[in-house]
Amino acid sequence: QVQLVESGGGLVQAGGSLRLSCVASGRDFSADAMAWVRQAPGKEREFVAIIAWGGTLTRYADSVKGRFTISRSNAKNAVYLQMNSLKPEDTAVYFCAARGSYYPTTLLYDYWGQGTQVTVSS
């Protein structure tokens, strides 16, 4: 059974930092693009960041560029999201996702995690 399990969410004050982790099991994702997508209450899902299989190709949403960094460890079958300078508008459930090909800004993924809540207080 393929699973993507996120962790690292929580409550943080504006200006603070969090590091999200997503560990995959049941399948080798080293050849897949992996991404983070978020969904705020009452809003549609929003692309946050994506990283290609080799780790050198990345793309970010304009709203997080310069504050968030996506990275991956193929040895650990994992992807990470370092979030700095957090703002209240970053409050959302953050989902880890994977797809075979690198396609920036897409919301079409083959595999999804269950999500982790990030809440940023003002």
Protein backbone atom coordinates (compact mmCIF):
# COMPACT_ATOMS: atom_id res chain seq x y z
CA GLN A 1 0.00 0.00 0.00
CA VAL A 2 1.41 3.34 -1.07
CA GLN A 3 1.37 6.01 1.60
CA LEU A 4 2.59 9.57 1.93
CA VAL A 5 2.69 10.68 5.55
CA GLU A 6 3.23 14.32 6.45
CA SER A 7 4.46 15.65 9.78
CA GLY A 8 5.81 18.84 11.28
CA GLY A 9 2.73 21.03 11.22
CA GLY A 10 1.61 23.04 14.20
CA LEU A 11 0.89 26.47 15.62
CA VAL A 12 3.49 29.20 15.16
CA GLN A 13 3.54 32.97 15.51
CA ALA A 14 3.87 35.20 12.49
CA GLY A 15 7.51 35.51 11.50
CA GLY A 16 8.31 32.04 12.79
CA SER A 17 9.43 28.90 11.01
CA LEU A 18 8.29 25.33 10.54
CA ARG A 19 9.72 22.37 8.67
CA LEU A 20 7.30 19.91 7.14
CA SER A 21 8.34 16.38 6.29
CA CYS A 22 6.69 13.80 4.06
CA VAL A 23 7.86 10.21 4.09
CA ALA A 24 6.65 7.83 1.42
CA SER A 25 6.27 4.08 1.69
CA GLY A 26 5.08 1.23 -0.47
CA ARG A 27 6.79 2.55 -3.60
CA ASP A 28 10.07 4.14 -4.66
CA PHE A 29 9.42 7.82 -5.48
CA SER A 30 12.99 8.69 -6.43
CA ALA A 31 12.00 9.06 -10.10
CA ASP A 32 8.89 11.13 -9.39
CA ALA A 33 8.31 14.80 -8.97
CA MET A 34 7.11 15.63 -5.48
CA ALA A 35 5.23 18.67 -4.33
CA TRP A 36 3.46 20.52 -1.56
CA VAL A 37 -0.08 21.78 -1.99
CA ARG A 38 -2.12 23.64 0.61
CA GLN A 39 -5.76 24.31 1.29
CA ALA A 40 -6.98 27.09 3.52
CA PRO A 41 -10.44 26.99 5.12
CA GLY A 42 -13.13 27.76 2.57
CA LYS A 43 -10.65 27.97 -0.29
CA GLU A 44 -9.54 25.72 -3.12
CA ARG A 45 -6.31 23.78 -3.05
CA GLU A 46 -3.29 25.90 -3.98
CA PHE A 47 0.05 24.84 -5.45
CA VAL A 48 2.95 25.70 -3.12
CA ALA A 49 6.13 24.10 -4.47
CA ILE A 50 7.39 21.22 -6.60
CA ILE A 51 10.74 19.49 -6.95
CA ALA A 52 11.88 17.24 -9.76
CA TRP A 53 13.34 13.78 -9.19
CA GLY A 54 16.96 14.97 -9.19
CA GLY A 55 16.33 17.72 -6.67
CA THR A 56 17.89 20.51 -8.71
CA LEU A 57 14.73 21.69 -10.47
CA THR A 58 12.17 23.47 -8.31
CA ARG A 59 9.29 25.90 -8.68
CA TYR A 60 7.40 27.94 -6.11
CA ALA A 61 4.14 29.81 -5.94
CA ASP A 62 4.72 33.56 -6.01
CA SER A 63 3.13 33.83 -2.57
CA VAL A 64 5.87 31.73 -0.93
CA LYS A 65 8.89 32.47 -3.11
CA GLY A 66 11.87 33.54 -1.04
CA ARG A 67 10.33 32.24 2.19
CA PHE A 68 9.80 28.52 1.56
CA THR A 69 12.33 25.94 0.39
CA ILE A 70 11.47 22.49 -0.92
CA SER A 71 14.02 19.69 -0.78
CA ARG A 72 14.10 15.94 -0.98
CA SER A 73 16.04 12.86 0.06
CA ASN A 74 15.65 10.02 -2.40
CA ALA A 75 17.56 7.76 -0.02
CA LYS A 76 14.84 8.34 2.57
CA ASN A 77 11.99 8.49 0.05
CA ALA A 78 11.09 11.85 1.55
CA VAL A 79 10.36 15.46 0.68
CA TYR A 80 10.59 18.48 2.96
CA LEU A 81 9.29 22.03 3.09
CA GLN A 82 11.19 24.59 5.12
CA MET A 83 8.88 27.51 5.83
CA ASN A 84 10.36 30.76 7.13
CA SER A 85 8.88 34.19 7.78
CA LEU A 86 5.46 32.64 8.12
CA LYS A 87 2.40 34.83 7.71
CA PRO A 88 -1.19 34.34 8.93
CA GLU A 89 -2.22 33.83 5.30
CA ASP A 90 -0.02 30.72 5.21
CA THR A 91 -2.51 29.03 7.54
CA ALA A 92 -3.77 25.91 5.77
CA VAL A 93 -3.64 22.15 5.62
CA TYR A 94 -0.46 21.24 3.76
CA PHE A 95 -0.50 18.15 1.57
CA CYS A 96 2.40 16.20 0.15
CA ALA A 97 1.83 14.88 -3.38
CA ALA A 98 3.69 12.99 -6.09
CA ARG A 99 3.43 12.52 -9.85
CA GLY A 100 5.56 10.90 -12.50
CA SER A 101 6.52 14.03 -14.43
CA TYR A 102 7.64 17.48 -13.31
CA TYR A 103 4.86 19.94 -14.14
CA PRO A 104 5.05 23.22 -12.20
CA THR A 105 1.89 24.66 -10.64
CA THR A 106 -0.23 21.62 -11.46
CA LEU A 107 -2.71 20.23 -8.94
CA LEU A 108 -2.90 16.88 -10.74
CA TYR A 109 -1.02 14.28 -8.75
CA ASP A 110 -1.11 10.51 -8.61
CA TYR A 111 -0.52 10.21 -4.89
CA TRP A 112 -1.55 12.37 -1.94
CA GLY A 113 -0.85 12.44 1.75
CA GLN A 114 -3.48 13.05 4.38
CA GLY A 115 -2.27 16.56 5.20
CA THR A 116 -0.83 18.38 8.19
CA GLN A 117 -2.28 21.54 9.71
CA VAL A 118 -0.20 24.70 9.82
CA THR A 119 -1.63 27.62 11.79
CA VAL A 120 0.11 30.98 11.90
CA SER A 121 -1.11 33.42 14.52
CA SER A 122 -0.77 37.17 14.17
